[in-house]
Amino acid sequence: MIVCVSIFRNMLRKKISRLLPIVAVVLTVSSCAITQQVESTDLKCPSSPKCVSSAERDTSQYIEPFSFDDEPNQAMARLKLALLSEDNVTITNEQPNMLSAEARSAVFGFVDDVKFVLLPEQGTIEVRSSARTGYSDLGVNRRRVERIREVFNDGER
């Protein structure tokens, strides 16, 4: 972090054009942030506003789990198709009851981790979507999950 601050200070001292420092700040902050990946079935979010999860029942980061009435394997197949309907998404781990993916932003290539865990006895699919870096995602993960939900629900008909 100290290195990032000193780089930023040096840039300011050199009085580079007005646009370049803004771009540098964005890139510096995102590259200096702590990187995290979701492990196992951990669906909790960090305290920063860069994540949504169906496991965060009493916070602003809560998002409804997906519901299904069909067979669990059919629901997972629909989920996979819905997930792949998103641009720049790569599935990183696929198991009968779990699906993990990386979603990259088009401009800067920031990576978000998306994870779904099937709970067949409850007829739900728990979800977590979080930015790996930075402090806030500006609502990107919530919007992505809701788009995936819409495609998932449309496939049920």
N, C-alpha and C. Protein backbone atom coordinates (compact mmCIF):
# COMPACT_ATOMS: atom_id res chain seq x y z
N MET A 1 0.82 -1.19 0.00
CA MET A 1 0.00 0.00 0.00
C MET A 1 0.86 1.25 0.00
N ILE A 2 1.98 1.24 0.75
CA ILE A 2 2.87 2.39 0.82
C ILE A 2 3.45 2.68 -0.55
N VAL A 3 3.78 1.61 -1.30
CA VAL A 3 4.31 1.78 -2.65
C VAL A 3 3.29 2.47 -3.53
N CYS A 4 2.01 2.05 -3.41
CA CYS A 4 0.96 2.66 -4.21
C CYS A 4 0.79 4.14 -3.90
N VAL A 5 0.84 4.49 -2.62
CA VAL A 5 0.72 5.89 -2.22
C VAL A 5 1.88 6.71 -2.76
N SER A 6 3.10 6.17 -2.67
CA SER A 6 4.25 6.93 -3.16
C SER A 6 4.20 7.11 -4.67
N ILE A 7 3.70 6.11 -5.39
CA ILE A 7 3.55 6.24 -6.84
C ILE A 7 2.57 7.36 -7.14
N PHE A 8 1.44 7.37 -6.43
CA PHE A 8 0.44 8.40 -6.65
C PHE A 8 0.99 9.79 -6.33
N ARG A 9 1.73 9.93 -5.24
CA ARG A 9 2.31 11.23 -4.88
C ARG A 9 3.29 11.71 -5.94
N ASN A 10 4.12 10.80 -6.44
CA ASN A 10 5.06 11.18 -7.50
C ASN A 10 4.34 11.66 -8.74
N MET A 11 3.24 11.02 -9.08
CA MET A 11 2.47 11.44 -10.25
C MET A 11 1.90 12.84 -10.05
N LEU A 12 1.41 13.12 -8.84
CA LEU A 12 0.85 14.43 -8.57
C LEU A 12 1.92 15.52 -8.63
N ARG A 13 3.12 15.21 -8.12
CA ARG A 13 4.21 16.19 -8.13
C ARG A 13 4.61 16.56 -9.55
N LYS A 14 4.53 15.63 -10.45
CA LYS A 14 4.94 15.89 -11.84
C LYS A 14 3.89 16.67 -12.61
N LYS A 15 2.73 16.87 -12.01
CA LYS A 15 1.65 17.65 -12.61
C LYS A 15 1.31 17.17 -14.02
N ILE A 16 1.02 15.89 -14.11
CA ILE A 16 0.60 15.30 -15.38
C ILE A 16 -0.78 15.83 -15.71
N SER A 17 -1.23 15.69 -16.93
CA SER A 17 -2.53 16.22 -17.35
C SER A 17 -3.63 15.81 -16.38
N ARG A 18 -4.76 16.48 -16.44
CA ARG A 18 -5.84 16.25 -15.48
C ARG A 18 -6.46 14.86 -15.59
N LEU A 19 -6.56 14.31 -16.75
CA LEU A 19 -7.19 13.00 -16.92
C LEU A 19 -6.31 11.86 -16.45
N LEU A 20 -5.04 11.95 -16.70
CA LEU A 20 -4.14 10.87 -16.35
C LEU A 20 -4.12 10.55 -14.85
N PRO A 21 -4.10 11.54 -13.95
CA PRO A 21 -4.14 11.19 -12.52
C PRO A 21 -5.41 10.46 -12.10
N ILE A 22 -6.53 10.80 -12.71
CA ILE A 22 -7.78 10.12 -12.37
C ILE A 22 -7.69 8.65 -12.77
N VAL A 23 -7.21 8.39 -13.97
CA VAL A 23 -7.04 7.01 -14.43
C VAL A 23 -6.03 6.29 -13.54
N ALA A 24 -4.97 6.97 -13.19
CA ALA A 24 -3.93 6.36 -12.34
C ALA A 24 -4.48 6.00 -10.97
N VAL A 25 -5.31 6.87 -10.40
CA VAL A 25 -5.89 6.58 -9.09
C VAL A 25 -6.76 5.32 -9.16
N VAL A 26 -7.60 5.25 -10.17
CA VAL A 26 -8.46 4.08 -10.31
C VAL A 26 -7.64 2.81 -10.44
N LEU A 27 -6.63 2.84 -11.30
CA LEU A 27 -5.80 1.66 -11.48
C LEU A 27 -4.97 1.33 -10.25
N THR A 28 -4.44 2.36 -9.59
CA THR A 28 -3.62 2.14 -8.40
C THR A 28 -4.45 1.55 -7.27
N VAL A 29 -5.62 2.13 -7.00
CA VAL A 29 -6.46 1.64 -5.92
C VAL A 29 -6.90 0.21 -6.19
N SER A 30 -7.28 -0.08 -7.42
CA SER A 30 -7.75 -1.44 -7.71
C SER A 30 -6.61 -2.44 -7.66
N SER A 31 -5.41 -2.06 -8.03
CA SER A 31 -4.30 -3.01 -8.00
C SER A 31 -3.72 -3.18 -6.61
N CYS A 32 -3.96 -2.23 -5.71
CA CYS A 32 -3.43 -2.32 -4.35
C CYS A 32 -4.43 -2.97 -3.39
N ALA A 33 -5.67 -3.14 -3.81
CA ALA A 33 -6.67 -3.71 -2.92
C ALA A 33 -6.38 -5.18 -2.66
N ILE A 34 -6.86 -5.64 -1.54
CA ILE A 34 -6.68 -7.04 -1.18
C ILE A 34 -7.51 -7.90 -2.12
N THR A 35 -6.91 -8.95 -2.63
CA THR A 35 -7.59 -9.85 -3.54
C THR A 35 -8.12 -11.04 -2.75
N GLN A 36 -9.34 -11.46 -3.09
CA GLN A 36 -9.91 -12.60 -2.40
C GLN A 36 -10.66 -13.46 -3.39
N GLN A 37 -10.70 -14.76 -3.11
CA GLN A 37 -11.48 -15.70 -3.87
C GLN A 37 -12.36 -16.47 -2.91
N VAL A 38 -13.50 -16.90 -3.39
CA VAL A 38 -14.42 -17.66 -2.56
C VAL A 38 -13.93 -19.09 -2.49
N GLU A 39 -13.89 -19.64 -1.30
CA GLU A 39 -13.48 -21.03 -1.10
C GLU A 39 -14.69 -21.87 -0.72
N SER A 40 -14.70 -23.10 -1.16
CA SER A 40 -15.66 -24.10 -0.72
C SER A 40 -17.09 -23.56 -0.84
N THR A 41 -17.88 -23.71 0.19
CA THR A 41 -19.27 -23.24 0.15
C THR A 41 -19.45 -21.96 0.96
N ASP A 42 -18.39 -21.23 1.21
CA ASP A 42 -18.46 -19.97 1.94
C ASP A 42 -19.17 -18.93 1.09
N LEU A 43 -20.32 -18.52 1.52
CA LEU A 43 -21.11 -17.56 0.74
C LEU A 43 -21.24 -16.21 1.43
N LYS A 44 -20.54 -16.00 2.52
CA LYS A 44 -20.59 -14.72 3.22
C LYS A 44 -19.84 -13.65 2.43
N CYS A 45 -20.21 -12.41 2.64
CA CYS A 45 -19.57 -11.28 1.97
C CYS A 45 -18.62 -10.56 2.93
N PRO A 46 -17.60 -9.88 2.37
CA PRO A 46 -16.80 -8.99 3.21
C PRO A 46 -17.65 -7.78 3.59
N SER A 47 -17.16 -6.96 4.48
CA SER A 47 -17.95 -5.81 4.93
C SER A 47 -18.06 -4.70 3.88
N SER A 48 -17.20 -4.70 2.89
CA SER A 48 -17.24 -3.65 1.86
C SER A 48 -18.39 -3.91 0.88
N PRO A 49 -18.92 -2.85 0.26
CA PRO A 49 -20.07 -2.98 -0.64
C PRO A 49 -19.69 -3.43 -2.05
N LYS A 50 -19.04 -4.59 -2.14
CA LYS A 50 -18.64 -5.10 -3.45
C LYS A 50 -19.17 -6.50 -3.67
N CYS A 51 -20.19 -6.89 -2.90
CA CYS A 51 -20.64 -8.27 -2.89
C CYS A 51 -22.13 -8.35 -2.60
N VAL A 52 -22.79 -9.35 -3.19
CA VAL A 52 -24.15 -9.70 -2.80
C VAL A 52 -24.18 -11.21 -2.54
N SER A 53 -25.03 -11.61 -1.60
CA SER A 53 -25.10 -13.02 -1.26
C SER A 53 -26.45 -13.36 -0.64
N SER A 54 -26.93 -14.54 -0.95
CA SER A 54 -28.17 -15.01 -0.33
C SER A 54 -27.93 -15.46 1.11
N ALA A 55 -26.67 -15.53 1.53
CA ALA A 55 -26.33 -15.89 2.91
C ALA A 55 -26.31 -14.68 3.84
N GLU A 56 -26.43 -13.50 3.29
CA GLU A 56 -26.38 -12.25 4.08
C GLU A 56 -27.80 -11.77 4.37
N ARG A 57 -28.52 -12.51 5.18
CA ARG A 57 -29.95 -12.28 5.41
C ARG A 57 -30.30 -10.90 5.96
N ASP A 58 -29.53 -10.35 6.85
CA ASP A 58 -29.90 -9.10 7.53
C ASP A 58 -29.02 -7.91 7.14
N THR A 59 -28.51 -7.90 5.93
CA THR A 59 -27.67 -6.78 5.50
C THR A 59 -28.12 -6.25 4.16
N SER A 60 -27.55 -5.12 3.76
CA SER A 60 -27.85 -4.55 2.45
C SER A 60 -27.24 -5.38 1.32
N GLN A 61 -26.41 -6.33 1.66
CA GLN A 61 -25.79 -7.19 0.65
C GLN A 61 -26.64 -8.41 0.32
N TYR A 62 -27.79 -8.54 0.96
CA TYR A 62 -28.66 -9.69 0.74
C TYR A 62 -29.28 -9.67 -0.65
N ILE A 63 -29.34 -10.84 -1.25
CA ILE A 63 -30.06 -11.04 -2.51
C ILE A 63 -30.78 -12.37 -2.40
N GLU A 64 -31.99 -12.45 -2.93
CA GLU A 64 -32.79 -13.67 -2.85
C GLU A 64 -32.07 -14.84 -3.52
N PRO A 65 -32.17 -16.04 -2.92
CA PRO A 65 -31.66 -17.22 -3.62
C PRO A 65 -32.56 -17.53 -4.82
N PHE A 66 -32.08 -18.33 -5.75
CA PHE A 66 -32.89 -18.75 -6.88
C PHE A 66 -33.80 -19.88 -6.40
N SER A 67 -35.02 -19.94 -6.91
CA SER A 67 -35.96 -21.01 -6.57
C SER A 67 -36.25 -21.84 -7.81
N PHE A 68 -36.51 -23.14 -7.58
CA PHE A 68 -36.84 -24.00 -8.71
C PHE A 68 -37.83 -25.07 -8.27
N ASP A 69 -38.64 -25.55 -9.25
CA ASP A 69 -39.62 -26.60 -9.01
C ASP A 69 -39.28 -27.87 -9.77
N ASP A 70 -38.39 -27.78 -10.74
CA ASP A 70 -38.04 -28.94 -11.55
C ASP A 70 -36.98 -29.79 -10.84
N GLU A 71 -36.49 -30.81 -11.49
CA GLU A 71 -35.47 -31.68 -10.91
C GLU A 71 -34.18 -30.88 -10.69
N PRO A 72 -33.44 -31.18 -9.62
CA PRO A 72 -32.21 -30.43 -9.34
C PRO A 72 -31.21 -30.41 -10.51
N ASN A 73 -31.03 -31.53 -11.20
CA ASN A 73 -30.08 -31.53 -12.33
C ASN A 73 -30.57 -30.67 -13.48
N GLN A 74 -31.88 -30.58 -13.67
CA GLN A 74 -32.43 -29.69 -14.70
C GLN A 74 -32.25 -28.22 -14.30
N ALA A 75 -32.44 -27.94 -13.01
CA ALA A 75 -32.25 -26.57 -12.52
C ALA A 75 -30.79 -26.14 -12.71
N MET A 76 -29.85 -27.04 -12.41
CA MET A 76 -28.42 -26.70 -12.60
C MET A 76 -28.09 -26.50 -14.07
N ALA A 77 -28.69 -27.29 -14.95
CA ALA A 77 -28.45 -27.12 -16.39
C ALA A 77 -28.99 -25.76 -16.85
N ARG A 78 -30.18 -25.38 -16.38
CA ARG A 78 -30.74 -24.05 -16.70
C ARG A 78 -29.87 -22.94 -16.16
N LEU A 79 -29.37 -23.14 -14.94
CA LEU A 79 -28.50 -22.14 -14.33
C LEU A 79 -27.23 -21.95 -15.15
N LYS A 80 -26.64 -23.04 -15.59
CA LYS A 80 -25.41 -22.96 -16.39
C LYS A 80 -25.67 -22.18 -17.67
N LEU A 81 -26.78 -22.46 -18.35
CA LEU A 81 -27.12 -21.73 -19.57
C LEU A 81 -27.35 -20.24 -19.28
N ALA A 82 -28.03 -19.96 -18.17
CA ALA A 82 -28.29 -18.56 -17.80
C ALA A 82 -26.98 -17.84 -17.49
N LEU A 83 -26.09 -18.51 -16.78
CA LEU A 83 -24.79 -17.91 -16.44
C LEU A 83 -23.98 -17.63 -17.70
N LEU A 84 -23.98 -18.57 -18.62
CA LEU A 84 -23.20 -18.40 -19.85
C LEU A 84 -23.84 -17.40 -20.82
N SER A 85 -25.07 -16.97 -20.54
CA SER A 85 -25.69 -15.94 -21.37
C SER A 85 -25.05 -14.57 -21.12
N GLU A 86 -24.33 -14.45 -20.02
CA GLU A 86 -23.62 -13.21 -19.69
C GLU A 86 -22.32 -13.12 -20.49
N ASP A 87 -21.93 -11.91 -20.88
CA ASP A 87 -20.67 -11.69 -21.57
C ASP A 87 -19.50 -11.87 -20.62
N ASN A 88 -18.37 -12.33 -21.14
CA ASN A 88 -17.11 -12.42 -20.40
C ASN A 88 -17.18 -13.27 -19.13
N VAL A 89 -17.94 -14.35 -19.17
CA VAL A 89 -18.05 -15.27 -18.04
C VAL A 89 -17.39 -16.58 -18.40
N THR A 90 -16.56 -17.09 -17.47
CA THR A 90 -15.89 -18.37 -17.64
C THR A 90 -16.21 -19.23 -16.43
N ILE A 91 -16.71 -20.43 -16.67
CA ILE A 91 -16.97 -21.36 -15.57
C ILE A 91 -15.64 -21.92 -15.10
N THR A 92 -15.38 -21.84 -13.81
CA THR A 92 -14.11 -22.29 -13.24
C THR A 92 -14.23 -23.60 -12.47
N ASN A 93 -15.42 -23.92 -12.01
CA ASN A 93 -15.62 -25.16 -11.26
C ASN A 93 -17.08 -25.57 -11.38
N GLU A 94 -17.29 -26.80 -11.81
CA GLU A 94 -18.65 -27.30 -11.97
C GLU A 94 -18.76 -28.65 -11.28
N GLN A 95 -19.67 -28.73 -10.33
CA GLN A 95 -19.95 -29.97 -9.62
C GLN A 95 -21.46 -30.16 -9.62
N PRO A 96 -21.94 -31.35 -9.27
CA PRO A 96 -23.40 -31.57 -9.31
C PRO A 96 -24.20 -30.55 -8.49
N ASN A 97 -23.67 -30.09 -7.36
CA ASN A 97 -24.41 -29.16 -6.50
C ASN A 97 -23.77 -27.78 -6.40
N MET A 98 -22.78 -27.48 -7.26
CA MET A 98 -22.09 -26.19 -7.16
C MET A 98 -21.58 -25.76 -8.53
N LEU A 99 -21.65 -24.47 -8.75
CA LEU A 99 -21.16 -23.88 -9.99
C LEU A 99 -20.44 -22.59 -9.64
N SER A 100 -19.17 -22.47 -10.07
CA SER A 100 -18.38 -21.25 -9.83
C SER A 100 -17.94 -20.69 -11.16
N ALA A 101 -17.83 -19.37 -11.21
CA ALA A 101 -17.41 -18.72 -12.45
C ALA A 101 -16.68 -17.42 -12.16
N GLU A 102 -15.95 -16.95 -13.16
CA GLU A 102 -15.32 -15.63 -13.13
C GLU A 102 -16.00 -14.77 -14.19
N ALA A 103 -16.30 -13.55 -13.82
CA ALA A 103 -16.87 -12.58 -14.75
C ALA A 103 -15.89 -11.41 -14.85
N ARG A 104 -15.48 -11.07 -16.07
CA ARG A 104 -14.52 -9.99 -16.27
C ARG A 104 -15.22 -8.76 -16.84
N SER A 105 -14.85 -7.59 -16.32
CA SER A 105 -15.41 -6.36 -16.87
C SER A 105 -14.79 -6.11 -18.24
N ALA A 106 -15.58 -5.53 -19.12
CA ALA A 106 -15.14 -5.35 -20.49
C ALA A 106 -13.99 -4.34 -20.63
N VAL A 107 -14.02 -3.26 -19.88
CA VAL A 107 -13.04 -2.20 -20.07
C VAL A 107 -11.73 -2.46 -19.35
N PHE A 108 -11.77 -2.64 -18.03
CA PHE A 108 -10.54 -2.78 -17.26
C PHE A 108 -10.17 -4.23 -16.96
N GLY A 109 -11.07 -5.16 -17.23
CA GLY A 109 -10.78 -6.57 -16.98
C GLY A 109 -10.82 -6.96 -15.52
N PHE A 110 -11.53 -6.20 -14.68
CA PHE A 110 -11.66 -6.57 -13.27
C PHE A 110 -12.40 -7.90 -13.18
N VAL A 111 -12.02 -8.74 -12.22
CA VAL A 111 -12.61 -10.06 -12.09
C VAL A 111 -13.56 -10.10 -10.89
N ASP A 112 -14.75 -10.63 -11.13
CA ASP A 112 -15.72 -10.90 -10.07
C ASP A 112 -15.89 -12.40 -9.98
N ASP A 113 -16.04 -12.92 -8.77
CA ASP A 113 -16.29 -14.33 -8.56
C ASP A 113 -17.77 -14.53 -8.31
N VAL A 114 -18.35 -15.50 -9.03
CA VAL A 114 -19.76 -15.81 -8.92
C VAL A 114 -19.86 -17.27 -8.51
N LYS A 115 -20.70 -17.54 -7.51
CA LYS A 115 -20.82 -18.91 -7.01
C LYS A 115 -22.28 -19.24 -6.72
N PHE A 116 -22.67 -20.44 -7.11
CA PHE A 116 -24.02 -20.94 -6.88
C PHE A 116 -23.92 -22.29 -6.19
N VAL A 117 -24.73 -22.50 -5.15
CA VAL A 117 -24.76 -23.76 -4.43
C VAL A 117 -26.21 -24.26 -4.40
N LEU A 118 -26.42 -25.45 -4.96
CA LEU A 118 -27.73 -26.07 -5.04
C LEU A 118 -28.11 -26.70 -3.70
N LEU A 119 -29.31 -26.39 -3.22
CA LEU A 119 -29.87 -27.02 -2.02
C LEU A 119 -31.15 -27.73 -2.46
N PRO A 120 -31.04 -28.96 -2.97
CA PRO A 120 -32.20 -29.64 -3.57
C PRO A 120 -33.37 -29.84 -2.61
N GLU A 121 -33.10 -30.12 -1.35
CA GLU A 121 -34.18 -30.36 -0.40
C GLU A 121 -35.00 -29.09 -0.12
N GLN A 122 -34.41 -27.93 -0.35
CA GLN A 122 -35.12 -26.65 -0.15
C GLN A 122 -35.66 -26.08 -1.45
N GLY A 123 -35.26 -26.65 -2.58
CA GLY A 123 -35.69 -26.12 -3.87
C GLY A 123 -35.10 -24.75 -4.16
N THR A 124 -33.87 -24.52 -3.64
CA THR A 124 -33.23 -23.22 -3.86
C THR A 124 -31.79 -23.39 -4.33
N ILE A 125 -31.28 -22.33 -4.89
CA ILE A 125 -29.87 -22.24 -5.27
C ILE A 125 -29.34 -20.98 -4.60
N GLU A 126 -28.45 -21.16 -3.64
CA GLU A 126 -27.83 -20.03 -2.96
C GLU A 126 -26.84 -19.38 -3.92
N VAL A 127 -26.63 -18.08 -3.79
CA VAL A 127 -25.78 -17.34 -4.73
C VAL A 127 -24.89 -16.35 -3.98
N ARG A 128 -23.71 -16.16 -4.52
CA ARG A 128 -22.78 -15.13 -4.04
C ARG A 128 -22.05 -14.59 -5.26
N SER A 129 -21.97 -13.28 -5.36
CA SER A 129 -21.22 -12.65 -6.44
C SER A 129 -20.46 -11.47 -5.85
N SER A 130 -19.13 -11.45 -6.06
CA SER A 130 -18.30 -10.45 -5.41
C SER A 130 -17.13 -10.04 -6.28
N ALA A 131 -16.80 -8.75 -6.21
CA ALA A 131 -15.60 -8.25 -6.86
C ALA A 131 -14.38 -8.77 -6.09
N ARG A 132 -13.35 -9.16 -6.80
CA ARG A 132 -12.13 -9.61 -6.13
C ARG A 132 -11.33 -8.46 -5.55
N THR A 133 -11.36 -7.33 -6.22
CA THR A 133 -10.53 -6.20 -5.80
C THR A 133 -11.39 -4.96 -5.60
N GLY A 134 -10.80 -3.99 -4.95
CA GLY A 134 -11.47 -2.72 -4.76
C GLY A 134 -12.38 -2.72 -3.55
N TYR A 135 -13.06 -1.62 -3.35
CA TYR A 135 -13.94 -1.46 -2.20
C TYR A 135 -15.41 -1.61 -2.59
N SER A 136 -15.81 -0.97 -3.68
CA SER A 136 -17.20 -1.01 -4.11
C SER A 136 -17.29 -1.50 -5.55
N ASP A 137 -18.39 -2.17 -5.87
CA ASP A 137 -18.60 -2.63 -7.24
C ASP A 137 -19.65 -1.78 -7.96
N LEU A 138 -20.17 -0.76 -7.29
CA LEU A 138 -21.17 0.16 -7.84
C LEU A 138 -22.43 -0.59 -8.30
N GLY A 139 -22.74 -1.70 -7.64
CA GLY A 139 -23.97 -2.45 -7.94
C GLY A 139 -23.86 -3.44 -9.09
N VAL A 140 -22.68 -3.62 -9.63
CA VAL A 140 -22.49 -4.51 -10.79
C VAL A 140 -22.90 -5.95 -10.47
N ASN A 141 -22.49 -6.47 -9.32
CA ASN A 141 -22.78 -7.86 -8.99
C ASN A 141 -24.28 -8.10 -8.79
N ARG A 142 -24.97 -7.19 -8.15
CA ARG A 142 -26.42 -7.34 -7.97
C ARG A 142 -27.13 -7.35 -9.32
N ARG A 143 -26.76 -6.42 -10.20
CA ARG A 143 -27.40 -6.37 -11.51
C ARG A 143 -27.12 -7.65 -12.31
N ARG A 144 -25.89 -8.17 -12.22
CA ARG A 144 -25.54 -9.40 -12.93
C ARG A 144 -26.39 -10.57 -12.43
N VAL A 145 -26.48 -10.73 -11.12
CA VAL A 145 -27.25 -11.84 -10.56
C VAL A 145 -28.72 -11.74 -10.96
N GLU A 146 -29.27 -10.54 -10.98
CA GLU A 146 -30.68 -10.38 -11.36
C GLU A 146 -30.89 -10.69 -12.85
N ARG A 147 -29.91 -10.36 -13.70
CA ARG A 147 -30.02 -10.73 -15.13
C ARG A 147 -29.98 -12.25 -15.27
N ILE A 148 -29.07 -12.89 -14.54
CA ILE A 148 -28.97 -14.36 -14.59
C ILE A 148 -30.27 -14.98 -14.08
N ARG A 149 -30.83 -14.44 -13.00
CA ARG A 149 -32.09 -14.94 -12.46
C ARG A 149 -33.21 -14.85 -13.50
N GLU A 150 -33.26 -13.73 -14.21
CA GLU A 150 -34.30 -13.53 -15.23
C GLU A 150 -34.20 -14.60 -16.32
N VAL A 151 -33.00 -14.85 -16.82
CA VAL A 151 -32.79 -15.87 -17.86
C VAL A 151 -33.10 -17.26 -17.29
N PHE A 152 -32.67 -17.52 -16.06
CA PHE A 152 -32.94 -18.79 -15.38
C PHE A 152 -34.45 -19.03 -15.28
N ASN A 153 -35.18 -18.03 -14.83
CA ASN A 153 -36.64 -18.17 -14.67
C ASN A 153 -37.35 -18.29 -16.02
N ASP A 154 -36.88 -17.59 -17.04
CA ASP A 154 -37.46 -17.70 -18.38
C ASP A 154 -37.29 -19.11 -18.94
N GLY A 155 -36.19 -19.78 -18.60
CA GLY A 155 -35.92 -21.13 -19.09
C GLY A 155 -36.82 -22.18 -18.46
N GLU A 156 -37.49 -21.84 -17.36
CA GLU A 156 -38.36 -22.78 -16.65
C GLU A 156 -39.67 -23.00 -17.38
N ARG A 157 -40.06 -22.05 -18.17
CA ARG A 157 -41.37 -22.11 -18.83
C ARG A 157 -41.39 -23.06 -19.99
